[in-house]
Amino acid sequence: AVTLANKIVAQSDILACFGPFSSTNAIAAGPVFQKAGILLCSPTSSHQDFTPIGDYMVRGSTLQATMQDFTAKFVYND
């Protein structure tokens, strides 16, 4: 993820990147994009450590803790 992030930010015409798919890869690549000032939107990154990497991190899903709480209550109650 970091190798690919470095290749992406090396291009001068990149404003934003959509991906990576996993939280692990998004957290690894995040600092590269943050340093370059390029928006990184990870549509499925649900780990709470992703967005605090910096101002250029955007998630497209709910946090794991929120999803787990909702799912547990739903399964228990319904």
C-alpha atoms as a PDB file:
ATOM      1  CA  ALA A   1       0.000   0.000   0.000  1.00  0.00           C
ATOM      2  CA  VAL A   2       2.839   2.400   0.835  1.00  0.00           C
ATOM      3  CA  THR A   3       4.709   1.619  -2.381  1.00  0.00           C
ATOM      4  CA  LEU A   4       1.612   2.311  -4.461  1.00  0.00           C
ATOM      5  CA  ALA A   5       0.835   5.464  -2.462  1.00  0.00           C
ATOM      6  CA  ASN A   6       4.325   6.775  -3.218  1.00  0.00           C
ATOM      7  CA  LYS A   7       3.827   6.081  -6.940  1.00  0.00           C
ATOM      8  CA  ILE A   8       0.492   7.920  -6.895  1.00  0.00           C
ATOM      9  CA  VAL A   9       1.752  11.025  -5.089  1.00  0.00           C
ATOM     10  CA  ALA A  10       4.775  11.195  -7.409  1.00  0.00           C
ATOM     11  CA  GLN A  11       2.373  12.224 -10.176  1.00  0.00           C
ATOM     12  CA  SER A  12       1.892  15.974 -10.115  1.00  0.00           C
ATOM     13  CA  ASP A  13      -1.714  16.007 -11.339  1.00  0.00           C
ATOM     14  CA  ILE A  14      -3.337  13.911  -8.575  1.00  0.00           C
ATOM     15  CA  LEU A  15      -5.865  15.716  -6.360  1.00  0.00           C
ATOM     16  CA  ALA A  16      -7.467  12.739  -4.626  1.00  0.00           C
ATOM     17  CA  CYS A  17      -7.285   8.987  -4.338  1.00  0.00           C
ATOM     18  CA  PHE A  18     -10.209   6.639  -3.703  1.00  0.00           C
ATOM     19  CA  GLY A  19      -9.105   3.504  -1.904  1.00  0.00           C
ATOM     20  CA  PRO A  20      -7.587   1.432  -0.405  1.00  0.00           C
ATOM     21  CA  PHE A  21     -10.235  -1.118   0.398  1.00  0.00           C
ATOM     22  CA  SER A  22      -8.984  -2.197   3.827  1.00  0.00           C
ATOM     23  CA  SER A  23      -8.355  -0.199   6.979  1.00  0.00           C
ATOM     24  CA  THR A  24      -4.900  -1.748   7.314  1.00  0.00           C
ATOM     25  CA  ASN A  25      -3.798  -0.507   3.895  1.00  0.00           C
ATOM     26  CA  ALA A  26      -5.460   2.885   4.364  1.00  0.00           C
ATOM     27  CA  ILE A  27      -3.661   3.401   7.677  1.00  0.00           C
ATOM     28  CA  ALA A  28      -0.343   2.400   6.090  1.00  0.00           C
ATOM     29  CA  ALA A  29      -0.771   4.652   3.033  1.00  0.00           C
ATOM     30  CA  GLY A  30      -2.397   7.560   4.877  1.00  0.00           C
ATOM     31  CA  PRO A  31       0.771   9.350   6.018  1.00  0.00           C
ATOM     32  CA  VAL A  32       2.101   9.387   2.445  1.00  0.00           C
ATOM     33  CA  PHE A  33      -1.032  11.123   1.177  1.00  0.00           C
ATOM     34  CA  GLN A  34      -1.181  13.431   4.182  1.00  0.00           C
ATOM     35  CA  LYS A  35       2.396  14.597   3.649  1.00  0.00           C
ATOM     36  CA  ALA A  36       1.656  15.233  -0.041  1.00  0.00           C
ATOM     37  CA  GLY A  37      -1.584  17.091   0.729  1.00  0.00           C
ATOM     38  CA  ILE A  38      -3.654  14.678  -1.350  1.00  0.00           C
ATOM     39  CA  LEU A  39      -7.122  13.595  -0.235  1.00  0.00           C
ATOM     40  CA  LEU A  40      -7.369   9.894   0.552  1.00  0.00           C
ATOM     41  CA  CYS A  41     -10.937   8.605   0.607  1.00  0.00           C
ATOM     42  CA  SER A  42     -11.143   5.024   1.788  1.00  0.00           C
ATOM     43  CA  PRO A  43     -14.707   3.889   1.115  1.00  0.00           C
ATOM     44  CA  THR A  44     -14.593   0.893   3.459  1.00  0.00           C
ATOM     45  CA  SER A  45     -12.033   1.888   6.099  1.00  0.00           C
ATOM     46  CA  SER A  46     -13.804   1.442   9.430  1.00  0.00           C
ATOM     47  CA  HIS A  47     -10.896   1.519  11.887  1.00  0.00           C
ATOM     48  CA  GLN A  48     -10.893   4.466  14.273  1.00  0.00           C
ATOM     49  CA  ASP A  49      -7.177   5.178  13.646  1.00  0.00           C
ATOM     50  CA  PHE A  50      -7.616   6.067   9.961  1.00  0.00           C
ATOM     51  CA  THR A  51      -9.055   9.598   9.977  1.00  0.00           C
ATOM     52  CA  PRO A  52      -6.862  10.923  12.818  1.00  0.00           C
ATOM     53  CA  ILE A  53      -3.857  10.505  10.494  1.00  0.00           C
ATOM     54  CA  GLY A  54      -4.617  13.975   9.168  1.00  0.00           C
ATOM     55  CA  ASP A  55      -6.863  16.474   7.479  1.00  0.00           C
ATOM     56  CA  TYR A  56      -6.773  14.677   4.130  1.00  0.00           C
ATOM     57  CA  MET A  57      -8.274  11.381   5.338  1.00  0.00           C
ATOM     58  CA  VAL A  58     -11.949  10.654   4.617  1.00  0.00           C
ATOM     59  CA  ARG A  59     -13.818   7.444   5.303  1.00  0.00           C
ATOM     60  CA  GLY A  60     -16.907   6.188   3.520  1.00  0.00           C
ATOM     61  CA  SER A  61     -18.116   3.807   6.184  1.00  0.00           C
ATOM     62  CA  THR A  62     -19.111   3.761   9.812  1.00  0.00           C
ATOM     63  CA  LEU A  63     -16.584   3.052  12.568  1.00  0.00           C
ATOM     64  CA  GLN A  64     -16.189  -0.584  13.633  1.00  0.00           C
ATOM     65  CA  ALA A  65     -17.301   0.173  17.182  1.00  0.00           C
ATOM     66  CA  THR A  66     -20.522   1.746  15.942  1.00  0.00           C
ATOM     67  CA  MET A  67     -21.258  -1.123  13.576  1.00  0.00           C
ATOM     68  CA  GLN A  68     -20.528  -3.748  16.224  1.00  0.00           C
ATOM     69  CA  ASP A  69     -22.772  -2.062  18.773  1.00  0.00           C
ATOM     70  CA  PHE A  70     -25.621  -1.718  16.265  1.00  0.00           C
ATOM     71  CA  THR A  71     -25.262  -5.312  15.056  1.00  0.00           C
ATOM     72  CA  ALA A  72     -25.139  -6.751  18.573  1.00  0.00           C
ATOM     73  CA  LYS A  73     -28.279  -4.855  19.601  1.00  0.00           C
ATOM     74  CA  PHE A  74     -30.066  -5.834  16.420  1.00  0.00           C
ATOM     75  CA  VAL A  75     -29.227  -9.537  16.794  1.00  0.00           C
ATOM     76  CA  TYR A  76     -30.172  -9.522  20.470  1.00  0.00           C
ATOM     77  CA  ASN A  77     -33.423  -7.581  20.074  1.00  0.00           C
ATOM     78  CA  ASP A  78     -34.649  -8.774  16.698  1.00  0.00           C
END
